[in-house]
């Protein structure tokens, strides 16, 4: 199995685990993988996700003025999720929104 295939397999297994609603121990028993190995997979998948989802991966959409004349900033994640912030917004608020969108 190539490195890319291994990464895809790990991501698939971790995704199936989260969708299963099972405990990690029970899930590991069903897929015949030691729990310590699976815990490592979860850690790797999270790290890969954090690396790939950064503020650089967001699509800049700019700002606009809504019908009530309040300026609004739109932030669109690669997944298609769009967040609108009323302006002015503090740098801290914008950072918090970007951080929250990392998992989207």
C-alpha atoms as a PDB file:
ATOM      1  CA  UNK A   1       0.000   0.000   0.000  1.00  0.00           C
ATOM      2  CA  UNK A   2       1.395   3.411  -0.939  1.00  0.00           C
ATOM      3  CA  UNK A   3       1.712   6.217   1.588  1.00  0.00           C
ATOM      4  CA  UNK A   4      -1.259   8.013   0.045  1.00  0.00           C
ATOM      5  CA  UNK A   5      -3.346   4.833   0.162  1.00  0.00           C
ATOM      6  CA  UNK A   6      -2.396   4.395   3.827  1.00  0.00           C
ATOM      7  CA  UNK A   7      -3.487   7.970   4.598  1.00  0.00           C
ATOM      8  CA  UNK A   8      -6.784   7.439   2.774  1.00  0.00           C
ATOM      9  CA  UNK A   9      -7.357   4.166   4.639  1.00  0.00           C
ATOM     10  CA  UNK A  10      -6.687   5.854   7.995  1.00  0.00           C
ATOM     11  CA  UNK A  11      -9.034   8.731   7.155  1.00  0.00           C
ATOM     12  CA  UNK A  12     -11.724   6.291   6.029  1.00  0.00           C
ATOM     13  CA  UNK A  13     -11.456   4.205   9.202  1.00  0.00           C
ATOM     14  CA  UNK A  14     -11.505   7.265  11.473  1.00  0.00           C
ATOM     15  CA  UNK A  15     -14.516   8.661   9.610  1.00  0.00           C
ATOM     16  CA  UNK A  16     -16.317   5.305   9.903  1.00  0.00           C
ATOM     17  CA  UNK A  17     -15.506   5.255  13.620  1.00  0.00           C
ATOM     18  CA  UNK A  18     -17.035   8.692  14.219  1.00  0.00           C
ATOM     19  CA  UNK A  19     -20.111   7.775  12.168  1.00  0.00           C
ATOM     20  CA  UNK A  20     -20.530   4.453  13.991  1.00  0.00           C
ATOM     21  CA  UNK A  21     -21.266   5.948  17.398  1.00  0.00           C
ATOM     22  CA  UNK A  22     -19.351   3.026  18.911  1.00  0.00           C
ATOM     23  CA  UNK A  23     -16.715   3.255  21.589  1.00  0.00           C
ATOM     24  CA  UNK A  24     -13.186   3.248  20.251  1.00  0.00           C
ATOM     25  CA  UNK A  25     -12.548  -0.134  21.873  1.00  0.00           C
ATOM     26  CA  UNK A  26     -15.627  -1.730  20.281  1.00  0.00           C
ATOM     27  CA  UNK A  27     -14.854  -0.222  16.881  1.00  0.00           C
ATOM     28  CA  UNK A  28     -11.269  -1.482  17.021  1.00  0.00           C
ATOM     29  CA  UNK A  29     -12.526  -4.971  17.792  1.00  0.00           C
ATOM     30  CA  UNK A  30     -14.812  -4.923  14.734  1.00  0.00           C
ATOM     31  CA  UNK A  31     -12.025  -3.851  12.371  1.00  0.00           C
ATOM     32  CA  UNK A  32      -9.398  -6.048  14.072  1.00  0.00           C
ATOM     33  CA  UNK A  33      -6.965  -3.209  14.769  1.00  0.00           C
ATOM     34  CA  UNK A  34      -5.250  -2.710  18.134  1.00  0.00           C
ATOM     35  CA  UNK A  35      -6.703   0.256  20.009  1.00  0.00           C
ATOM     36  CA  UNK A  36      -3.259   1.808  20.418  1.00  0.00           C
ATOM     37  CA  UNK A  37      -2.766   1.732  16.641  1.00  0.00           C
ATOM     38  CA  UNK A  38      -6.194   3.220  16.048  1.00  0.00           C
ATOM     39  CA  UNK A  39      -5.581   5.993  18.594  1.00  0.00           C
ATOM     40  CA  UNK A  40      -2.444   6.843  16.600  1.00  0.00           C
ATOM     41  CA  UNK A  41      -4.519   6.945  13.399  1.00  0.00           C
ATOM     42  CA  UNK A  42      -6.986   9.356  15.010  1.00  0.00           C
ATOM     43  CA  UNK A  43      -4.103  11.573  16.104  1.00  0.00           C
ATOM     44  CA  UNK A  44      -2.570  11.529  12.597  1.00  0.00           C
ATOM     45  CA  UNK A  45      -5.881  12.273  10.883  1.00  0.00           C
ATOM     46  CA  UNK A  46      -6.483  15.226  13.226  1.00  0.00           C
ATOM     47  CA  UNK A  47      -2.975  16.541  12.541  1.00  0.00           C
ATOM     48  CA  UNK A  48      -3.449  16.177   8.781  1.00  0.00           C
ATOM     49  CA  UNK A  49      -6.754  18.018   9.000  1.00  0.00           C
ATOM     50  CA  UNK A  50      -5.213  20.847  11.011  1.00  0.00           C
ATOM     51  CA  UNK A  51      -2.438  21.171   8.437  1.00  0.00           C
ATOM     52  CA  UNK A  52      -4.801  21.199   5.469  1.00  0.00           C
ATOM     53  CA  UNK A  53      -7.440  23.487   6.987  1.00  0.00           C
ATOM     54  CA  UNK A  54      -5.818  26.822   7.554  1.00  0.00           C
ATOM     55  CA  UNK A  55      -6.808  30.381   6.928  1.00  0.00           C
ATOM     56  CA  UNK A  56      -4.950  30.056   3.620  1.00  0.00           C
ATOM     57  CA  UNK A  57      -7.451  27.447   2.433  1.00  0.00           C
ATOM     58  CA  UNK A  58     -10.387  29.802   2.867  1.00  0.00           C
ATOM     59  CA  UNK A  59     -11.804  31.437  -0.215  1.00  0.00           C
ATOM     60  CA  UNK A  60     -11.693  35.236   0.037  1.00  0.00           C
ATOM     61  CA  UNK A  61     -15.102  36.647  -0.782  1.00  0.00           C
ATOM     62  CA  UNK A  62     -14.680  40.204   0.435  1.00  0.00           C
ATOM     63  CA  UNK A  63     -17.203  42.443   2.080  1.00  0.00           C
ATOM     64  CA  UNK A  64     -20.395  44.076   0.991  1.00  0.00           C
ATOM     65  CA  UNK A  65     -23.083  46.390   2.319  1.00  0.00           C
ATOM     66  CA  UNK A  66     -26.385  44.711   3.098  1.00  0.00           C
ATOM     67  CA  UNK A  67     -29.808  46.233   2.489  1.00  0.00           C
ATOM     68  CA  UNK A  68     -29.774  47.851   5.934  1.00  0.00           C
ATOM     69  CA  UNK A  69     -26.449  49.550   5.050  1.00  0.00           C
ATOM     70  CA  UNK A  70     -24.452  47.531   7.599  1.00  0.00           C
ATOM     71  CA  UNK A  71     -21.144  46.311   6.170  1.00  0.00           C
ATOM     72  CA  UNK A  72     -20.772  42.525   6.278  1.00  0.00           C
ATOM     73  CA  UNK A  73     -17.753  40.255   5.766  1.00  0.00           C
ATOM     74  CA  UNK A  74     -18.302  36.855   4.157  1.00  0.00           C
ATOM     75  CA  UNK A  75     -15.887  33.985   4.709  1.00  0.00           C
ATOM     76  CA  UNK A  76     -16.324  30.851   2.620  1.00  0.00           C
ATOM     77  CA  UNK A  77     -14.661  27.552   3.555  1.00  0.00           C
ATOM     78  CA  UNK A  78     -13.660  25.080   0.820  1.00  0.00           C
ATOM     79  CA  UNK A  79     -16.555  22.872   2.010  1.00  0.00           C
ATOM     80  CA  UNK A  80     -18.958  25.593   0.867  1.00  0.00           C
ATOM     81  CA  UNK A  81     -19.925  26.817   4.335  1.00  0.00           C
ATOM     82  CA  UNK A  82     -20.293  30.597   4.378  1.00  0.00           C
ATOM     83  CA  UNK A  83     -20.094  32.716   7.521  1.00  0.00           C
ATOM     84  CA  UNK A  84     -21.179  36.343   7.553  1.00  0.00           C
ATOM     85  CA  UNK A  85     -19.810  38.773  10.128  1.00  0.00           C
ATOM     86  CA  UNK A  86     -21.295  42.169  10.795  1.00  0.00           C
ATOM     87  CA  UNK A  87     -18.603  44.825  10.553  1.00  0.00           C
ATOM     88  CA  UNK A  88     -16.831  46.290  12.284  1.00  0.00           C
ATOM     89  CA  UNK A  89     -15.582  43.081  13.880  1.00  0.00           C
ATOM     90  CA  UNK A  90     -12.564  42.865  16.127  1.00  0.00           C
ATOM     91  CA  UNK A  91      -9.499  40.926  15.071  1.00  0.00           C
ATOM     92  CA  UNK A  92     -10.166  38.547  17.956  1.00  0.00           C
ATOM     93  CA  UNK A  93     -13.709  37.852  16.714  1.00  0.00           C
ATOM     94  CA  UNK A  94     -12.448  37.174  13.214  1.00  0.00           C
ATOM     95  CA  UNK A  95      -9.732  34.837  14.572  1.00  0.00           C
ATOM     96  CA  UNK A  96     -12.337  32.959  16.634  1.00  0.00           C
ATOM     97  CA  UNK A  97     -14.564  32.498  13.582  1.00  0.00           C
ATOM     98  CA  UNK A  98     -11.638  31.295  11.467  1.00  0.00           C
ATOM     99  CA  UNK A  99     -10.609  28.861  14.214  1.00  0.00           C
ATOM    100  CA  UNK A 100     -14.179  27.534  14.451  1.00  0.00           C
ATOM    101  CA  UNK A 101     -14.283  27.047  10.685  1.00  0.00           C
ATOM    102  CA  UNK A 102     -11.176  24.855  10.718  1.00  0.00           C
ATOM    103  CA  UNK A 103     -13.299  21.821  11.502  1.00  0.00           C
ATOM    104  CA  UNK A 104     -15.867  22.580   8.800  1.00  0.00           C
END
